[in-house]
Amino acid sequence: MLDLNVRNGRGCAGTGATPLEPDIGIKDSRIALIREWIDEPADQRRGVRGFSVLPGFVNILTYYDLEVEFAPDSVNRFALG
C-alpha cells in the first residue's frame, strides 16, 4: 500500500521532454512508482491537475542567493535545468 498517490499533475523530469500527466506513488517518503495510472491502494490521494510535479530533480535545499552574489559570472545550478 502506498502512503500517497499524486494524480494528474503536469509531470516534468528535467530532461526537456514533453510533460506527461502521470500518477506518482509515494511510500516511506520516497517515490515508489511513476505510471500513467496507479490503481494500488493509498492512504491518501491528491489530485493536482493544473500544477507541475517535479519528481526527484529539484533540490529545495539550495543557496542560490549566495552563488549569484559571490560569483555572478559562474555557471550555477540555474543553468543546469
PDB file of N, CA and C in Angstrom:
ATOM      1  N   MET A   1       0.843  -1.178   0.000  1.00  0.00           N
ATOM      2  CA  MET A   1       0.000   0.000   0.000  1.00  0.00           C
ATOM      3  C   MET A   1       0.889   1.242   0.000  1.00  0.00           C
ATOM      4  N   LEU A   2       0.500   2.219  -0.800  1.00  0.00           N
ATOM      5  CA  LEU A   2       1.225   3.486  -0.876  1.00  0.00           C
ATOM      6  C   LEU A   2       0.790   4.407   0.260  1.00  0.00           C
ATOM      7  N   ASP A   3       1.667   5.324   0.619  1.00  0.00           N
ATOM      8  CA  ASP A   3       1.303   6.351   1.581  1.00  0.00           C
ATOM      9  C   ASP A   3       0.513   7.462   0.897  1.00  0.00           C
ATOM     10  N   LEU A   4       0.911   7.786  -0.340  1.00  0.00           N
ATOM     11  CA  LEU A   4       0.291   8.892  -1.064  1.00  0.00           C
ATOM     12  C   LEU A   4       0.292   8.603  -2.554  1.00  0.00           C
ATOM     13  N   ASN A   5      -0.809   8.927  -3.216  1.00  0.00           N
ATOM     14  CA  ASN A   5      -0.896   8.852  -4.671  1.00  0.00           C
ATOM     15  C   ASN A   5      -1.199  10.256  -5.181  1.00  0.00           C
ATOM     16  N   VAL A   6      -0.258  10.826  -5.934  1.00  0.00           N
ATOM     17  CA  VAL A   6      -0.416  12.161  -6.511  1.00  0.00           C
ATOM     18  C   VAL A   6      -0.885  11.962  -7.947  1.00  0.00           C
ATOM     19  N   ARG A   7      -2.070  12.491  -8.267  1.00  0.00           N
ATOM     20  CA  ARG A   7      -2.687  12.220  -9.566  1.00  0.00           C
ATOM     21  C   ARG A   7      -2.786  13.449 -10.455  1.00  0.00           C
ATOM     22  N   ASN A   8      -2.540  13.222 -11.739  1.00  0.00           N
ATOM     23  CA  ASN A   8      -2.843  14.182 -12.806  1.00  0.00           C
ATOM     24  C   ASN A   8      -2.049  15.481 -12.768  1.00  0.00           C
ATOM     25  N   GLY A   9      -0.889  15.479 -12.141  1.00  0.00           N
ATOM     26  CA  GLY A   9      -0.040  16.663 -12.198  1.00  0.00           C
ATOM     27  C   GLY A   9       0.686  16.707 -13.532  1.00  0.00           C
ATOM     28  N   ARG A  10       1.174  17.852 -13.893  1.00  0.00           N
ATOM     29  CA  ARG A  10       1.963  18.005 -15.127  1.00  0.00           C
ATOM     30  C   ARG A  10       3.373  17.551 -14.790  1.00  0.00           C
ATOM     31  N   GLY A  11       3.698  16.325 -15.148  1.00  0.00           N
ATOM     32  CA  GLY A  11       4.963  15.715 -14.764  1.00  0.00           C
ATOM     33  C   GLY A  11       6.122  16.155 -15.623  1.00  0.00           C
ATOM     34  N   CYS A  12       7.126  16.760 -14.996  1.00  0.00           N
ATOM     35  CA  CYS A  12       8.324  17.212 -15.682  1.00  0.00           C
ATOM     36  C   CYS A  12       9.518  16.488 -15.069  1.00  0.00           C
ATOM     37  N   ALA A  13      10.369  15.931 -15.915  1.00  0.00           N
ATOM     38  CA  ALA A  13      11.514  15.167 -15.417  1.00  0.00           C
ATOM     39  C   ALA A  13      12.824  15.929 -15.539  1.00  0.00           C
ATOM     40  N   GLY A  14      12.791  17.150 -16.049  1.00  0.00           N
ATOM     41  CA  GLY A  14      14.004  17.935 -16.175  1.00  0.00           C
ATOM     42  C   GLY A  14      14.852  17.579 -17.374  1.00  0.00           C
ATOM     43  N   THR A  15      14.295  16.819 -18.300  1.00  0.00           N
ATOM     44  CA  THR A  15      15.052  16.390 -19.480  1.00  0.00           C
ATOM     45  C   THR A  15      14.727  17.206 -20.722  1.00  0.00           C
ATOM     46  N   GLY A  16      13.701  18.036 -20.645  1.00  0.00           N
ATOM     47  CA  GLY A  16      13.263  18.788 -21.810  1.00  0.00           C
ATOM     48  C   GLY A  16      12.198  18.066 -22.613  1.00  0.00           C
ATOM     49  N   ALA A  17      11.862  16.842 -22.236  1.00  0.00           N
ATOM     50  CA  ALA A  17      10.821  16.084 -22.934  1.00  0.00           C
ATOM     51  C   ALA A  17       9.448  16.711 -22.655  1.00  0.00           C
ATOM     52  N   THR A  18       8.489  16.408 -23.504  1.00  0.00           N
ATOM     53  CA  THR A  18       7.131  16.894 -23.325  1.00  0.00           C
ATOM     54  C   THR A  18       6.569  16.389 -22.003  1.00  0.00           C
ATOM     55  N   PRO A  19       6.025  17.276 -21.172  1.00  0.00           N
ATOM     56  CA  PRO A  19       5.455  16.848 -19.892  1.00  0.00           C
ATOM     57  C   PRO A  19       4.295  15.881 -20.091  1.00  0.00           C
ATOM     58  N   LEU A  20       4.156  14.955 -19.181  1.00  0.00           N
ATOM     59  CA  LEU A  20       3.059  13.992 -19.171  1.00  0.00           C
ATOM     60  C   LEU A  20       2.172  14.284 -17.964  1.00  0.00           C
ATOM     61  N   GLU A  21       1.129  13.508 -17.767  1.00  0.00           N
ATOM     62  CA  GLU A  21       0.286  13.632 -16.580  1.00  0.00           C
ATOM     63  C   GLU A  21       0.256  12.293 -15.853  1.00  0.00           C
ATOM     64  N   PRO A  22       1.375  11.894 -15.272  1.00  0.00           N
ATOM     65  CA  PRO A  22       1.426  10.586 -14.616  1.00  0.00           C
ATOM     66  C   PRO A  22       0.876  10.642 -13.201  1.00  0.00           C
ATOM     67  N   ASP A  23       0.586   9.471 -12.659  1.00  0.00           N
ATOM     68  CA  ASP A  23       0.354   9.317 -11.229  1.00  0.00           C
ATOM     69  C   ASP A  23       1.710   9.034 -10.604  1.00  0.00           C
ATOM     70  N   ILE A  24       1.927   9.541  -9.399  1.00  0.00           N
ATOM     71  CA  ILE A  24       3.175   9.310  -8.687  1.00  0.00           C
ATOM     72  C   ILE A  24       2.829   8.721  -7.335  1.00  0.00           C
ATOM     73  N   GLY A  25       3.377   7.536  -7.060  1.00  0.00           N
ATOM     74  CA  GLY A  25       3.128   6.861  -5.800  1.00  0.00           C
ATOM     75  C   GLY A  25       4.280   7.066  -4.833  1.00  0.00           C
ATOM     76  N   ILE A  26       3.953   7.471  -3.601  1.00  0.00           N
ATOM     77  CA  ILE A  26       4.950   7.720  -2.572  1.00  0.00           C
ATOM     78  C   ILE A  26       4.796   6.671  -1.474  1.00  0.00           C
ATOM     79  N   LYS A  27       5.915   6.085  -1.070  1.00  0.00           N
ATOM     80  CA  LYS A  27       5.932   5.111   0.018  1.00  0.00           C
ATOM     81  C   LYS A  27       7.166   5.385   0.868  1.00  0.00           C
ATOM     82  N   ASP A  28       6.988   5.524   2.174  1.00  0.00           N
ATOM     83  CA  ASP A  28       8.097   5.784   3.095  1.00  0.00           C
ATOM     84  C   ASP A  28       8.911   7.013   2.669  1.00  0.00           C
ATOM     85  N   SER A  29       8.225   8.073   2.274  1.00  0.00           N
ATOM     86  CA  SER A  29       8.833   9.355   1.886  1.00  0.00           C
ATOM     87  C   SER A  29       9.705   9.274   0.637  1.00  0.00           C
ATOM     88  N   ARG A  30       9.499   8.262  -0.184  1.00  0.00           N
ATOM     89  CA  ARG A  30      10.262   8.117  -1.426  1.00  0.00           C
ATOM     90  C   ARG A  30       9.317   7.835  -2.585  1.00  0.00           C
ATOM     91  N   ILE A  31       9.734   8.233  -3.780  1.00  0.00           N
ATOM     92  CA  ILE A  31       8.961   7.917  -4.977  1.00  0.00           C
ATOM     93  C   ILE A  31       9.057   6.416  -5.208  1.00  0.00           C
ATOM     94  N   ALA A  32       7.924   5.749  -5.213  1.00  0.00           N
ATOM     95  CA  ALA A  32       7.889   4.305  -5.403  1.00  0.00           C
ATOM     96  C   ALA A  32       7.446   3.927  -6.811  1.00  0.00           C
ATOM     97  N   LEU A  33       6.548   4.713  -7.399  1.00  0.00           N
ATOM     98  CA  LEU A  33       6.009   4.414  -8.731  1.00  0.00           C
ATOM     99  C   LEU A  33       5.761   5.708  -9.498  1.00  0.00           C
ATOM    100  N   ILE A  34       6.003   5.664 -10.782  1.00  0.00           N
ATOM    101  CA  ILE A  34       5.557   6.728 -11.690  1.00  0.00           C
ATOM    102  C   ILE A  34       4.954   6.005 -12.882  1.00  0.00           C
ATOM    103  N   ARG A  35       3.648   6.135 -13.038  1.00  0.00           N
ATOM    104  CA  ARG A  35       2.928   5.451 -14.121  1.00  0.00           C
ATOM    105  C   ARG A  35       1.806   6.342 -14.634  1.00  0.00           C
ATOM    106  N   GLU A  36       1.298   5.963 -15.800  1.00  0.00           N
ATOM    107  CA  GLU A  36       0.165   6.687 -16.353  1.00  0.00           C
ATOM    108  C   GLU A  36      -1.047   6.600 -15.420  1.00  0.00           C
ATOM    109  N   TRP A  37      -1.236   5.447 -14.807  1.00  0.00           N
ATOM    110  CA  TRP A  37      -2.364   5.244 -13.886  1.00  0.00           C
ATOM    111  C   TRP A  37      -1.925   4.279 -12.811  1.00  0.00           C
ATOM    112  N   ILE A  38      -2.101   4.648 -11.536  1.00  0.00           N
ATOM    113  CA  ILE A  38      -1.774   3.761 -10.417  1.00  0.00           C
ATOM    114  C   ILE A  38      -3.078   3.372  -9.752  1.00  0.00           C
ATOM    115  N   ASP A  39      -3.344   2.068  -9.731  1.00  0.00           N
ATOM    116  CA  ASP A  39      -4.576   1.601  -9.084  1.00  0.00           C
ATOM    117  C   ASP A  39      -4.296   0.937  -7.740  1.00  0.00           C
ATOM    118  N   GLU A  40      -3.051   0.972  -7.300  1.00  0.00           N
ATOM    119  CA  GLU A  40      -2.686   0.421  -5.998  1.00  0.00           C
ATOM    120  C   GLU A  40      -3.311   1.268  -4.890  1.00  0.00           C
ATOM    121  N   PRO A  41      -3.786   0.638  -3.816  1.00  0.00           N
ATOM    122  CA  PRO A  41      -4.384   1.418  -2.726  1.00  0.00           C
ATOM    123  C   PRO A  41      -3.376   2.383  -2.095  1.00  0.00           C
ATOM    124  N   ALA A  42      -3.888   3.507  -1.585  1.00  0.00           N
ATOM    125  CA  ALA A  42      -3.041   4.510  -0.941  1.00  0.00           C
ATOM    126  C   ALA A  42      -3.775   5.095   0.262  1.00  0.00           C
ATOM    127  N   ASP A  43      -3.016   5.449   1.289  1.00  0.00           N
ATOM    128  CA  ASP A  43      -3.608   6.083   2.464  1.00  0.00           C
ATOM    129  C   ASP A  43      -4.230   7.429   2.111  1.00  0.00           C
ATOM    130  N   GLN A  44      -3.576   8.163   1.208  1.00  0.00           N
ATOM    131  CA  GLN A  44      -4.076   9.466   0.776  1.00  0.00           C
ATOM    132  C   GLN A  44      -3.957   9.589  -0.736  1.00  0.00           C
ATOM    133  N   ARG A  45      -4.850  10.362  -1.318  1.00  0.00           N
ATOM    134  CA  ARG A  45      -4.792  10.684  -2.745  1.00  0.00           C
ATOM    135  C   ARG A  45      -4.927  12.193  -2.883  1.00  0.00           C
ATOM    136  N   ARG A  46      -4.123  12.754  -3.773  1.00  0.00           N
ATOM    137  CA  ARG A  46      -4.185  14.186  -4.032  1.00  0.00           C
ATOM    138  C   ARG A  46      -4.284  14.412  -5.527  1.00  0.00           C
ATOM    139  N   GLY A  47      -5.318  15.092  -5.952  1.00  0.00           N
ATOM    140  CA  GLY A  47      -5.447  15.497  -7.338  1.00  0.00           C
ATOM    141  C   GLY A  47      -4.761  16.840  -7.511  1.00  0.00           C
ATOM    142  N   VAL A  48      -3.812  16.920  -8.427  1.00  0.00           N
ATOM    143  CA  VAL A  48      -3.042  18.153  -8.578  1.00  0.00           C
ATOM    144  C   VAL A  48      -3.095  18.691 -10.011  1.00  0.00           C
ATOM    145  N   ARG A  49      -4.192  18.447 -10.698  1.00  0.00           N
ATOM    146  CA  ARG A  49      -4.348  18.939 -12.066  1.00  0.00           C
ATOM    147  C   ARG A  49      -4.117  20.448 -12.102  1.00  0.00           C
ATOM    148  N   GLY A  50      -3.349  20.884 -13.092  1.00  0.00           N
ATOM    149  CA  GLY A  50      -3.045  22.291 -13.224  1.00  0.00           C
ATOM    150  C   GLY A  50      -1.754  22.704 -12.537  1.00  0.00           C
ATOM    151  N   PHE A  51      -1.156  21.798 -11.759  1.00  0.00           N
ATOM    152  CA  PHE A  51       0.108  22.068 -11.088  1.00  0.00           C
ATOM    153  C   PHE A  51       1.211  21.226 -11.708  1.00  0.00           C
ATOM    154  N   SER A  52       2.427  21.716 -11.654  1.00  0.00           N
ATOM    155  CA  SER A  52       3.579  20.935 -12.121  1.00  0.00           C
ATOM    156  C   SER A  52       4.094  20.060 -10.988  1.00  0.00           C
ATOM    157  N   VAL A  53       4.487  18.858 -11.352  1.00  0.00           N
ATOM    158  CA  VAL A  53       5.061  17.911 -10.402  1.00  0.00           C
ATOM    159  C   VAL A  53       6.475  17.620 -10.882  1.00  0.00           C
ATOM    160  N   LEU A  54       7.446  17.828 -10.025  1.00  0.00           N
ATOM    161  CA  LEU A  54       8.849  17.719 -10.397  1.00  0.00           C
ATOM    162  C   LEU A  54       9.507  16.628  -9.563  1.00  0.00           C
ATOM    163  N   PRO A  55       9.257  15.372  -9.902  1.00  0.00           N
ATOM    164  CA  PRO A  55       9.721  14.283  -9.037  1.00  0.00           C
ATOM    165  C   PRO A  55      11.227  14.055  -9.092  1.00  0.00           C
ATOM    166  N   GLY A  56      11.885  14.388  -8.007  1.00  0.00           N
ATOM    167  CA  GLY A  56      13.261  13.972  -7.826  1.00  0.00           C
ATOM    168  C   GLY A  56      14.348  14.816  -8.433  1.00  0.00           C
ATOM    169  N   PHE A  57      14.048  15.934  -9.114  1.00  0.00           N
ATOM    170  CA  PHE A  57      15.163  16.664  -9.695  1.00  0.00           C
ATOM    171  C   PHE A  57      15.289  18.097  -9.208  1.00  0.00           C
ATOM    172  N   VAL A  58      14.401  18.567  -8.372  1.00  0.00           N
ATOM    173  CA  VAL A  58      14.530  19.905  -7.823  1.00  0.00           C
ATOM    174  C   VAL A  58      14.982  19.800  -6.376  1.00  0.00           C
ATOM    175  N   ASN A  59      16.131  20.373  -6.080  1.00  0.00           N
ATOM    176  CA  ASN A  59      16.667  20.378  -4.731  1.00  0.00           C
ATOM    177  C   ASN A  59      16.246  21.683  -4.068  1.00  0.00           C
ATOM    178  N   ILE A  60      15.309  21.612  -3.132  1.00  0.00           N
ATOM    179  CA  ILE A  60      14.834  22.837  -2.490  1.00  0.00           C
ATOM    180  C   ILE A  60      15.791  23.324  -1.411  1.00  0.00           C
ATOM    181  N   LEU A  61      16.794  22.540  -1.080  1.00  0.00           N
ATOM    182  CA  LEU A  61      17.773  22.937  -0.069  1.00  0.00           C
ATOM    183  C   LEU A  61      19.006  23.497  -0.759  1.00  0.00           C
ATOM    184  N   THR A  62      18.891  24.703  -1.282  1.00  0.00           N
ATOM    185  CA  THR A  62      19.985  25.308  -2.033  1.00  0.00           C
ATOM    186  C   THR A  62      20.306  26.690  -1.484  1.00  0.00           C
ATOM    187  N   TYR A  63      21.382  27.235  -1.961  1.00  0.00           N
ATOM    188  CA  TYR A  63      21.821  28.564  -1.546  1.00  0.00           C
ATOM    189  C   TYR A  63      22.129  29.390  -2.795  1.00  0.00           C
ATOM    190  N   TYR A  64      21.164  29.474  -3.714  1.00  0.00           N
ATOM    191  CA  TYR A  64      21.362  30.204  -4.960  1.00  0.00           C
ATOM    192  C   TYR A  64      21.702  31.665  -4.709  1.00  0.00           C
ATOM    193  N   ASP A  65      21.104  32.246  -3.682  1.00  0.00           N
ATOM    194  CA  ASP A  65      21.348  33.663  -3.437  1.00  0.00           C
ATOM    195  C   ASP A  65      22.826  33.938  -3.209  1.00  0.00           C
ATOM    196  N   LEU A  66      23.525  33.056  -2.501  1.00  0.00           N
ATOM    197  CA  LEU A  66      24.958  33.242  -2.272  1.00  0.00           C
ATOM    198  C   LEU A  66      25.760  33.057  -3.552  1.00  0.00           C
ATOM    199  N   GLU A  67      25.414  32.068  -4.351  1.00  0.00           N
ATOM    200  CA  GLU A  67      26.133  31.842  -5.611  1.00  0.00           C
ATOM    201  C   GLU A  67      26.040  33.051  -6.526  1.00  0.00           C
ATOM    202  N   VAL A  68      24.848  33.583  -6.660  1.00  0.00           N
ATOM    203  CA  VAL A  68      24.638  34.716  -7.559  1.00  0.00           C
ATOM    204  C   VAL A  68      25.366  35.949  -7.040  1.00  0.00           C
ATOM    205  N   GLU A  69      25.370  36.140  -5.721  1.00  0.00           N
ATOM    206  CA  GLU A  69      26.017  37.313  -5.146  1.00  0.00           C
ATOM    207  C   GLU A  69      27.538  37.250  -5.230  1.00  0.00           C
ATOM    208  N   PHE A  70      28.116  36.090  -4.896  1.00  0.00           N
ATOM    209  CA  PHE A  70      29.570  35.984  -4.823  1.00  0.00           C
ATOM    210  C   PHE A  70      30.244  35.585  -6.133  1.00  0.00           C
ATOM    211  N   ALA A  71      29.522  34.971  -7.036  1.00  0.00           N
ATOM    212  CA  ALA A  71      30.114  34.552  -8.316  1.00  0.00           C
ATOM    213  C   ALA A  71      29.091  34.724  -9.431  1.00  0.00           C
ATOM    214  N   PRO A  72      28.699  35.960  -9.735  1.00  0.00           N
ATOM    215  CA  PRO A  72      27.621  36.184 -10.700  1.00  0.00           C
ATOM    216  C   PRO A  72      27.921  35.710 -12.117  1.00  0.00           C
ATOM    217  N   ASP A  73      29.201  35.566 -12.470  1.00  0.00           N
ATOM    218  CA  ASP A  73      29.545  35.117 -13.820  1.00  0.00           C
ATOM    219  C   ASP A  73      29.733  33.612 -13.938  1.00  0.00           C
ATOM    220  N   SER A  74      29.627  32.890 -12.836  1.00  0.00           N
ATOM    221  CA  SER A  74      29.846  31.442 -12.883  1.00  0.00           C
ATOM    222  C   SER A  74      28.586  30.734 -13.370  1.00  0.00           C
ATOM    223  N   VAL A  75      28.767  29.523 -13.872  1.00  0.00           N
ATOM    224  CA  VAL A  75      27.627  28.697 -14.256  1.00  0.00           C
ATOM    225  C   VAL A  75      27.102  28.079 -12.968  1.00  0.00           C
ATOM    226  N   ASN A  76      25.911  28.464 -12.599  1.00  0.00           N
ATOM    227  CA  ASN A  76      25.345  27.916 -11.370  1.00  0.00           C
ATOM    228  C   ASN A  76      24.206  26.953 -11.683  1.00  0.00           C
ATOM    229  N   ARG A  77      23.566  26.475 -10.657  1.00  0.00           N
ATOM    230  CA  ARG A  77      22.525  25.462 -10.838  1.00  0.00           C
ATOM    231  C   ARG A  77      21.311  25.971 -11.591  1.00  0.00           C
ATOM    232  N   PHE A  78      21.137  27.291 -11.679  1.00  0.00           N
ATOM    233  CA  PHE A  78      20.037  27.811 -12.500  1.00  0.00           C
ATOM    234  C   PHE A  78      20.175  27.356 -13.951  1.00  0.00           C
ATOM    235  N   ALA A  79      21.404  27.265 -14.421  1.00  0.00           N
ATOM    236  CA  ALA A  79      21.665  26.937 -15.819  1.00  0.00           C
ATOM    237  C   ALA A  79      21.620  25.447 -16.099  1.00  0.00           C
ATOM    238  N   LEU A  80      21.455  24.628 -15.074  1.00  0.00           N
ATOM    239  CA  LEU A  80      21.523  23.182 -15.251  1.00  0.00           C
ATOM    240  C   LEU A  80      20.159  22.536 -15.455  1.00  0.00           C
ATOM    241  N   GLY A  81      19.107  23.303 -15.581  1.00  0.00           N
ATOM    242  CA  GLY A  81      17.804  22.748 -15.869  1.00  0.00           C
ATOM    243  C   GLY A  81      16.948  22.673 -14.699  1.00  0.00           C
TER     244      GLY A  81
END
